[in-house]
């Protein structure tokens, strides 16, 4: 899906103000803002209250970082406008301009702290996934697009289990049976996830061996995100499911939806779809039934820092299902494609949360 580039043109200058000087000023201010912003984030996250460097209060760091970030952003925007006003501009010039705009924006935007908490009762384990081979889309608005192969990770919650979060601790490895990686698996704190809804008038889920004869409504969501080196969520996806189940009939979907919890400036959705699925069959005296669906979403960024081409994040798929016993399942695979600079982005974190029954 690389976009066609315009042919190179010529360098442009403002009267009496050469482009090289804009480069120099913008580069210096961008680097200063980036370093000060990173320092500020480190200090603030080290304590739950305001902190200061000896003789150098945080408010001053914030003020300097904000001013230099704005200067960097404006100079970068001016430079990019000048260079792209012609038929085209040399690739190096466009790349530098894009980098300055991106760095300036990163320093000015508030940091997202949702991944800075510790998991409860966590442990690092080897998680075995399912290898989903690459394929080429044959129809629809993105026909011809090559979807890269990916390792699908499986999460699940039994009735009564609240939430589980998985954080990668190694690169994905191919195995004869599929794929695997080390992950920190644990429970996120309650203040970091959606609250539990009060149960409706339907009976509570029993803990004994008795069959559930009356319909029970359960709900939950699967959420995943990709982070950059300073923990900003560049892209994220969430699928939400509400389903009704009994142990003597097919489970049915009440609602299935997707939304974006957070994303960073420059990223946009190239393609998105959401589909429902249901399976139900009798196995002796027991119903084997699941209901839910999945989303496929492709994010794109044409100006990711230090990249000379577009960067893509493939959320394919984000699956969420409930079964006839009240179990909640979340399966996801996410790949990042583009130039070598994509190594700056993290392997995605994900969490599965039960919000009802």
Protein backbone atom coordinates (compact mmCIF):
# COMPACT_ATOMS: atom_id res chain seq x y z
CA UNK A 1 0.00 0.00 0.00
CA UNK A 2 2.84 2.48 -0.43
CA UNK A 3 1.62 5.75 -1.82
CA UNK A 4 3.02 7.30 -4.98
CA UNK A 5 5.63 9.94 -4.26
CA UNK A 6 5.94 13.20 -6.13
CA UNK A 7 9.02 13.69 -8.23
CA UNK A 8 11.89 15.62 -6.70
CA UNK A 9 11.96 19.35 -7.31
CA UNK A 10 14.34 22.03 -6.02
CA UNK A 11 15.23 23.44 -2.63
CA UNK A 12 13.29 26.54 -1.67
CA UNK A 13 14.37 29.52 0.46
CA UNK A 14 12.64 32.44 2.07
CA UNK A 15 14.10 35.79 0.97
CA UNK A 16 17.14 36.34 3.16
CA UNK A 17 16.36 33.28 5.28
CA UNK A 18 17.94 30.10 3.88
CA UNK A 19 16.31 26.74 4.44
CA UNK A 20 19.48 25.40 6.09
CA UNK A 21 19.01 27.95 8.88
CA UNK A 22 15.42 26.81 9.39
CA UNK A 23 16.75 23.26 9.57
CA UNK A 24 19.29 24.23 12.21
CA UNK A 25 16.90 26.19 14.44
CA UNK A 26 14.10 23.66 14.16
CA UNK A 27 16.41 20.73 14.83
CA UNK A 28 17.84 22.31 17.98
CA UNK A 29 14.44 23.31 19.38
CA UNK A 30 12.96 19.92 18.53
CA UNK A 31 15.73 18.04 20.32
CA UNK A 32 15.55 20.34 23.36
CA UNK A 33 11.77 19.92 23.60
CA UNK A 34 12.02 16.16 23.19
CA UNK A 35 14.67 15.78 25.91
CA UNK A 36 12.90 18.09 28.34
CA UNK A 37 9.58 16.38 27.69
CA UNK A 38 11.14 12.97 28.35
CA UNK A 39 12.78 14.29 31.53
CA UNK A 40 9.48 15.73 32.72
CA UNK A 41 7.64 12.47 32.08
CA UNK A 42 10.26 10.48 33.99
CA UNK A 43 10.08 12.81 36.97
CA UNK A 44 6.29 12.90 37.12
CA UNK A 45 5.90 9.14 36.82
CA UNK A 46 8.41 8.52 39.57
CA UNK A 47 6.09 10.03 42.14
CA UNK A 48 2.38 10.55 42.60
CA UNK A 49 2.89 14.26 43.38
CA UNK A 50 4.86 17.18 41.99
CA UNK A 51 8.63 16.73 41.98
CA UNK A 52 11.47 19.14 41.28
CA UNK A 53 15.06 19.03 40.27
CA UNK A 54 17.33 20.92 42.66
CA UNK A 55 16.83 24.56 41.80
CA UNK A 56 14.89 23.70 38.63
CA UNK A 57 11.12 23.32 39.23
CA UNK A 58 8.99 21.05 37.04
CA UNK A 59 6.78 23.93 35.99
CA UNK A 60 9.80 25.58 34.37
CA UNK A 61 10.70 22.37 32.52
CA UNK A 62 7.13 22.16 31.29
CA UNK A 63 7.12 25.79 30.16
CA UNK A 64 10.40 25.47 28.24
CA UNK A 65 9.35 22.15 26.69
CA UNK A 66 6.02 23.60 25.56
CA UNK A 67 7.56 26.73 24.01
CA UNK A 68 10.33 24.85 22.21
CA UNK A 69 7.87 22.22 21.02
CA UNK A 70 5.60 24.88 19.53
CA UNK A 71 8.54 26.62 17.86
CA UNK A 72 9.69 23.29 16.45
CA UNK A 73 6.22 22.44 15.19
CA UNK A 74 5.68 25.84 13.52
CA UNK A 75 9.11 25.90 11.89
CA UNK A 76 8.72 22.34 10.69
CA UNK A 77 5.26 23.08 9.29
CA UNK A 78 6.59 26.21 7.55
CA UNK A 79 9.48 24.27 6.10
CA UNK A 80 7.30 21.42 4.85
CA UNK A 81 4.87 23.87 3.26
CA UNK A 82 7.70 25.65 1.46
CA UNK A 83 9.31 22.46 0.23
CA UNK A 84 6.10 20.84 -0.95
CA UNK A 85 4.76 23.98 -2.65
CA UNK A 86 6.80 23.15 -5.70
CA UNK A 87 6.37 20.10 -7.91
CA UNK A 88 8.22 18.18 -5.17
CA UNK A 89 11.22 18.35 -2.88
CA UNK A 90 14.30 16.22 -2.34
CA UNK A 91 13.51 13.18 -0.18
CA UNK A 92 16.03 14.20 2.50
CA UNK A 93 14.39 17.61 2.89
CA UNK A 94 10.90 16.13 3.16
CA UNK A 95 12.10 13.54 5.65
CA UNK A 96 13.72 16.15 7.91
CA UNK A 97 10.63 18.35 7.79
CA UNK A 98 8.39 15.42 8.67
CA UNK A 99 10.70 14.41 11.52
CA UNK A 100 10.65 17.92 13.00
CA UNK A 101 6.87 18.11 12.90
CA UNK A 102 6.54 14.69 14.50
CA UNK A 103 9.05 15.33 17.29
CA UNK A 104 7.55 18.72 18.06
CA UNK A 105 4.10 17.22 18.31
CA UNK A 106 5.29 14.36 20.53
CA UNK A 107 6.88 16.78 22.98
CA UNK A 108 3.80 19.00 23.13
CA UNK A 109 1.14 16.28 23.54
CA UNK A 110 0.37 14.95 27.05
CA UNK A 111 1.70 11.48 27.76
CA UNK A 112 -0.72 8.58 28.14
CA UNK A 113 -0.02 6.87 31.47
CA UNK A 114 -2.32 3.87 31.11
CA UNK A 115 0.54 1.41 30.58
CA UNK A 116 2.66 2.63 33.46
CA UNK A 117 0.90 0.62 36.17
CA UNK A 118 2.03 -2.72 37.59
CA UNK A 119 0.03 -5.91 37.07
CA UNK A 120 -1.35 -7.82 40.04
CA UNK A 121 -0.10 -11.37 40.66
CA UNK A 122 1.81 -11.28 37.39
CA UNK A 123 4.35 -13.76 36.13
CA UNK A 124 6.39 -14.13 32.95
CA UNK A 125 5.38 -17.23 31.01
CA UNK A 126 5.88 -18.66 27.55
CA UNK A 127 2.66 -18.08 25.61
CA UNK A 128 1.98 -20.29 22.63
CA UNK A 129 0.02 -18.70 19.81
CA UNK A 130 -1.45 -19.70 16.47
CA UNK A 131 0.41 -18.69 13.32
CA UNK A 132 -1.89 -16.96 10.87
CA UNK A 133 -0.27 -17.09 7.41
CA UNK A 134 -0.07 -14.02 5.20
CA UNK A 135 -2.76 -13.58 2.58
CA UNK A 136 -3.76 -11.18 -0.16
CA UNK A 137 -7.17 -9.52 -0.09
CA UNK A 138 -9.13 -10.56 -3.18
CA UNK A 139 -12.13 -8.23 -3.09
CA UNK A 140 -13.49 -5.05 -1.58
CA UNK A 141 -11.92 -1.60 -1.13
CA UNK A 142 -8.43 -2.95 -0.33
CA UNK A 143 -8.31 -5.74 -2.93
CA UNK A 144 -4.72 -6.70 -3.70
CA UNK A 145 -3.40 -5.69 -0.27
CA UNK A 146 -0.96 -8.19 1.23
CA UNK A 147 -1.75 -8.86 4.88
CA UNK A 148 1.44 -10.06 6.62
CA UNK A 149 1.56 -13.26 8.65
CA UNK A 150 1.02 -12.87 12.37
CA UNK A 151 1.00 -14.72 15.68
CA UNK A 152 -2.50 -14.86 17.17
CA UNK A 153 -2.56 -14.73 20.99
CA UNK A 154 -5.47 -16.26 22.93
CA UNK A 155 -6.87 -14.87 26.20
CA UNK A 156 -9.81 -16.21 28.20
CA UNK A 157 -11.85 -15.54 31.35
CA UNK A 158 -14.02 -18.05 33.20
CA UNK A 159 -17.22 -16.91 34.95
CA UNK A 160 -16.19 -14.97 38.04
CA UNK A 161 -12.81 -13.95 36.60
CA UNK A 162 -12.54 -10.19 36.15
CA UNK A 163 -9.66 -9.37 33.81
CA UNK A 164 -6.33 -10.52 32.36
CA UNK A 165 -3.59 -8.49 30.69
CA UNK A 166 -0.66 -9.75 28.63
CA UNK A 167 2.51 -7.74 27.95
CA UNK A 168 5.17 -9.06 25.55
CA UNK A 169 8.64 -9.54 26.97
CA UNK A 170 10.35 -11.03 23.90
CA UNK A 171 10.13 -11.15 20.14
CA UNK A 172 7.76 -13.64 18.53
CA UNK A 173 9.37 -16.94 17.58
CA UNK A 174 8.12 -19.37 14.96
CA UNK A 175 7.75 -22.97 16.14
CA UNK A 176 6.75 -26.21 14.38
CA UNK A 177 3.37 -25.92 16.09
CA UNK A 178 2.88 -22.21 15.35
CA UNK A 179 4.49 -19.38 17.32
CA UNK A 180 5.41 -18.37 20.87
CA UNK A 181 6.84 -15.56 22.97
CA UNK A 182 7.44 -14.64 26.59
CA UNK A 183 4.73 -12.46 28.12
CA UNK A 184 4.03 -10.95 31.52
CA UNK A 185 0.51 -12.08 32.38
CA UNK A 186 -1.48 -10.71 35.30
CA UNK A 187 -4.52 -8.71 36.36
CA UNK A 188 -4.73 -4.93 35.80
CA UNK A 189 -5.77 -2.76 38.78
CA UNK A 190 -9.48 -1.96 39.02
CA UNK A 191 -8.91 1.76 38.44
CA UNK A 192 -7.33 1.00 35.05
CA UNK A 193 -10.27 -0.91 33.52
CA UNK A 194 -13.97 -0.35 32.93
CA UNK A 195 -16.10 -0.82 36.06
CA UNK A 196 -18.20 -3.93 36.61
CA UNK A 197 -21.85 -3.32 35.74
CA UNK A 198 -24.52 -4.24 38.29
CA UNK A 199 -26.20 -7.51 37.33
CA UNK A 200 -29.65 -7.28 35.73
CA UNK A 201 -32.69 -9.14 37.03
CA UNK A 202 -31.46 -12.42 35.53
CA UNK A 203 -30.19 -14.99 38.05
CA UNK A 204 -26.56 -15.01 39.10
CA UNK A 205 -24.12 -17.46 37.56
CA UNK A 206 -24.04 -20.59 39.78
CA UNK A 207 -20.75 -21.91 41.07
CA UNK A 208 -21.86 -25.53 41.42
CA UNK A 209 -22.44 -28.26 38.84
CA UNK A 210 -26.10 -27.34 38.23
CA UNK A 211 -27.07 -26.34 34.71
CA UNK A 212 -28.01 -22.72 34.05
CA UNK A 213 -31.58 -22.98 32.76
CA UNK A 214 -32.56 -19.31 32.78
CA UNK A 215 -30.87 -16.89 30.35
CA UNK A 216 -27.86 -15.02 31.70
CA UNK A 217 -26.44 -11.84 30.14
CA UNK A 218 -22.68 -11.33 30.23
CA UNK A 219 -20.41 -8.69 28.69
CA UNK A 220 -16.78 -7.74 28.25
CA UNK A 221 -14.19 -6.24 25.93
CA UNK A 222 -10.85 -6.96 24.30
CA UNK A 223 -8.42 -4.05 23.99
CA UNK A 224 -4.96 -3.83 22.41
CA UNK A 225 -2.57 -1.00 21.64
CA UNK A 226 0.82 -0.23 20.09
CA UNK A 227 3.22 2.09 21.94
CA UNK A 228 6.19 4.17 20.87
CA UNK A 229 9.50 4.48 22.84
CA UNK A 230 8.06 7.06 25.27
CA UNK A 231 4.93 4.96 26.00
CA UNK A 232 2.52 7.03 23.91
CA UNK A 233 -0.29 4.96 22.44
CA UNK A 234 0.17 5.39 18.69
CA UNK A 235 -2.87 3.26 17.82
CA UNK A 236 -5.35 1.15 19.75
CA UNK A 237 -8.46 -0.92 19.12
CA UNK A 238 -11.25 -2.30 21.28
CA UNK A 239 -14.10 -4.71 20.55
CA UNK A 240 -17.03 -4.97 22.98
CA UNK A 241 -19.46 -7.86 23.32
CA UNK A 242 -22.70 -8.46 25.19
CA UNK A 243 -24.20 -11.94 24.90
CA UNK A 244 -26.93 -14.07 26.44
CA UNK A 245 -26.36 -17.71 27.26
CA UNK A 246 -27.81 -20.76 28.92
CA UNK A 247 -26.43 -24.28 29.12
CA UNK A 248 -29.35 -25.79 27.24
CA UNK A 249 -29.53 -23.64 24.10
CA UNK A 250 -27.50 -21.52 21.67
CA UNK A 251 -25.69 -18.43 22.94
CA UNK A 252 -26.81 -15.23 21.19
CA UNK A 253 -25.16 -11.84 20.66
CA UNK A 254 -26.94 -8.79 22.08
CA UNK A 255 -24.43 -6.26 20.78
CA UNK A 256 -21.00 -6.18 19.15
CA UNK A 257 -19.09 -2.94 18.59
CA UNK A 258 -15.60 -1.55 18.10
CA UNK A 259 -14.06 1.78 18.97
CA UNK A 260 -10.68 3.49 19.34
CA UNK A 261 -9.62 4.18 22.97
CA UNK A 262 -6.72 6.45 21.91
CA UNK A 263 -4.44 7.26 18.98
CA UNK A 264 -1.63 9.68 18.26
CA UNK A 265 -1.61 12.55 15.80
CA UNK A 266 -0.56 11.48 12.30
CA UNK A 267 -2.17 8.03 12.45
CA UNK A 268 -5.45 7.40 10.65
CA UNK A 269 -7.61 4.39 9.76
CA UNK A 270 -6.93 3.09 6.27
CA UNK A 271 -9.50 0.29 6.49
CA UNK A 272 -11.89 -1.11 9.12
CA UNK A 273 -14.57 -3.78 9.22
CA UNK A 274 -16.62 -5.53 11.92
CA UNK A 275 -18.41 -8.86 11.52
CA UNK A 276 -20.53 -11.09 13.74
CA UNK A 277 -20.23 -14.86 13.99
CA UNK A 278 -22.13 -17.62 15.76
CA UNK A 279 -21.64 -21.36 16.15
CA UNK A 280 -24.05 -23.77 17.78
CA UNK A 281 -24.28 -27.54 17.77
CA UNK A 282 -25.40 -30.33 20.08
CA UNK A 283 -22.75 -32.72 21.40
CA UNK A 284 -24.60 -35.47 23.21
CA UNK A 285 -26.39 -33.63 26.00
CA UNK A 286 -24.18 -30.53 25.91
CA UNK A 287 -24.45 -27.50 23.63
CA UNK A 288 -21.20 -26.37 21.98
CA UNK A 289 -21.96 -22.77 21.22
CA UNK A 290 -20.06 -19.50 20.81
CA UNK A 291 -21.22 -16.09 19.70
CA UNK A 292 -19.46 -12.80 19.03
CA UNK A 293 -17.39 -11.51 16.16
CA UNK A 294 -14.20 -9.83 15.05
CA UNK A 295 -12.79 -6.64 13.56
CA UNK A 296 -10.03 -6.12 11.02
CA UNK A 297 -8.46 -2.66 11.09
CA UNK A 298 -5.45 -1.19 9.25
CA UNK A 299 -3.89 2.00 10.61
CA UNK A 300 -1.49 4.16 8.60
CA UNK A 301 0.94 6.97 9.37
CA UNK A 302 2.66 8.83 6.52
CA UNK A 303 4.91 10.93 8.77
CA UNK A 304 6.19 8.70 11.56
CA UNK A 305 9.49 10.11 12.96
CA UNK A 306 12.66 9.25 10.97
CA UNK A 307 10.65 7.10 8.54
CA UNK A 308 10.99 7.74 4.81
CA UNK A 309 7.81 5.88 3.91
CA UNK A 310 4.39 5.05 5.36
CA UNK A 311 4.03 2.85 8.45
CA UNK A 312 1.13 0.43 8.93
CA UNK A 313 -0.37 -1.30 11.97
CA UNK A 314 -2.53 -4.34 11.13
CA UNK A 315 -5.06 -5.32 13.81
CA UNK A 316 -6.08 -8.54 12.11
CA UNK A 317 -8.01 -9.93 13.80
CA UNK A 318 -9.43 -8.58 17.05
CA UNK A 319 -11.82 -11.39 18.03
CA UNK A 320 -14.16 -11.58 21.01
CA UNK A 321 -16.52 -14.48 21.79
CA UNK A 322 -18.71 -15.74 24.60
CA UNK A 323 -19.88 -19.33 24.99
CA UNK A 324 -22.81 -21.21 26.48
CA UNK A 325 -21.01 -21.64 29.82
CA UNK A 326 -20.30 -17.95 30.38
CA UNK A 327 -16.64 -18.07 29.33
CA UNK A 328 -15.23 -15.01 27.54
CA UNK A 329 -12.53 -15.36 24.87
CA UNK A 330 -10.32 -12.77 23.20
CA UNK A 331 -7.95 -13.53 20.31
CA UNK A 332 -5.73 -10.95 18.64
CA UNK A 333 -2.82 -10.63 16.24
CA UNK A 334 -1.16 -7.33 15.40
CA UNK A 335 1.71 -6.67 13.02
CA UNK A 336 3.59 -3.50 12.15
CA UNK A 337 4.87 -3.02 8.62
CA UNK A 338 7.06 -0.38 6.99
CA UNK A 339 10.68 0.81 6.91
CA UNK A 340 13.26 -0.19 9.52
CA UNK A 341 12.06 2.65 11.75
CA UNK A 342 9.06 0.50 12.73
CA UNK A 343 11.36 -1.20 15.23
CA UNK A 344 10.67 1.85 17.44
CA UNK A 345 7.11 0.59 17.98
CA UNK A 346 6.32 -2.02 20.61
CA UNK A 347 4.82 -5.46 20.18
CA UNK A 348 1.25 -4.77 21.33
CA UNK A 349 -0.09 -5.14 24.85
CA UNK A 350 -3.63 -6.48 25.25
CA UNK A 351 -6.22 -7.04 27.95
CA UNK A 352 -9.50 -8.91 28.21
CA UNK A 353 -12.02 -7.53 30.71
CA UNK A 354 -15.37 -8.84 31.95
CA UNK A 355 -17.84 -6.04 32.70
CA UNK A 356 -20.98 -8.08 33.46
CA UNK A 357 -21.50 -11.53 35.00
